[in-house]
């Protein structure tokens, strides 16, 4: 299967699109977030998430 044909979802925290991964094959229906970071920030809105991300500096 071509990558463009894989199922896709939109992360409700960062609003980015993400596609199916083999490690999610058993529970794709339950996958909601694109990353552990977004799962940890699930109670924030998109604007709060972007503001927090932009305010932090990389070390």
Protein backbone atom coordinates (compact mmCIF):
# COMPACT_ATOMS: atom_id res chain seq x y z
CA UNK A 1 0.00 0.00 0.00
CA UNK A 2 1.25 3.45 -0.92
CA UNK A 3 1.70 6.04 1.88
CA UNK A 4 -0.88 8.32 0.28
CA UNK A 5 -3.46 5.52 0.56
CA UNK A 6 -3.03 5.00 4.31
CA UNK A 7 -5.89 6.10 6.59
CA UNK A 8 -5.50 9.55 8.11
CA UNK A 9 -6.85 11.38 11.17
CA UNK A 10 -6.57 14.90 12.55
CA UNK A 11 -5.12 15.42 16.03
CA UNK A 12 -7.66 17.37 18.16
CA UNK A 13 -4.88 19.20 20.07
CA UNK A 14 -2.52 20.47 17.36
CA UNK A 15 -4.92 20.06 14.42
CA UNK A 16 -2.23 18.32 12.35
CA UNK A 17 -3.02 15.42 10.10
CA UNK A 18 -1.35 12.09 10.87
CA UNK A 19 -1.46 8.73 9.14
CA UNK A 20 -1.75 5.11 10.17
CA UNK A 21 1.35 3.44 11.63
CA UNK A 22 2.04 -0.25 11.92
CA UNK A 23 2.39 0.01 15.73
CA UNK A 24 -1.24 1.25 15.82
CA UNK A 25 -2.68 -1.53 13.64
CA UNK A 26 -4.51 -3.29 16.51
CA UNK A 27 -6.12 -0.17 17.98
CA UNK A 28 -6.32 2.40 15.17
CA UNK A 29 -9.97 3.05 16.02
CA UNK A 30 -8.95 4.24 19.52
CA UNK A 31 -5.98 6.40 18.41
CA UNK A 32 -6.86 10.10 18.87
CA UNK A 33 -3.56 11.95 19.22
CA UNK A 34 -0.57 12.21 16.90
CA UNK A 35 1.99 11.97 19.72
CA UNK A 36 2.51 11.45 23.44
CA UNK A 37 3.03 15.19 23.74
CA UNK A 38 -0.43 15.92 22.35
CA UNK A 39 -1.99 13.20 24.51
CA UNK A 40 -0.47 14.93 27.53
CA UNK A 41 -1.90 18.30 26.43
CA UNK A 42 -5.36 16.96 25.59
CA UNK A 43 -7.17 19.53 27.73
CA UNK A 44 -5.64 22.52 25.94
CA UNK A 45 -7.13 24.27 22.94
CA UNK A 46 -5.12 24.70 19.75
CA UNK A 47 -4.28 28.34 20.62
CA UNK A 48 -3.03 27.41 24.09
CA UNK A 49 -0.96 24.57 22.63
CA UNK A 50 0.69 26.83 20.03
CA UNK A 51 1.36 29.53 22.64
CA UNK A 52 3.00 27.03 25.03
CA UNK A 53 5.08 25.51 22.24
CA UNK A 54 6.25 28.89 20.92
CA UNK A 55 7.21 30.09 24.39
CA UNK A 56 9.58 27.20 25.14
CA UNK A 57 13.17 27.25 24.00
CA UNK A 58 15.09 24.21 22.87
CA UNK A 59 18.22 23.41 24.84
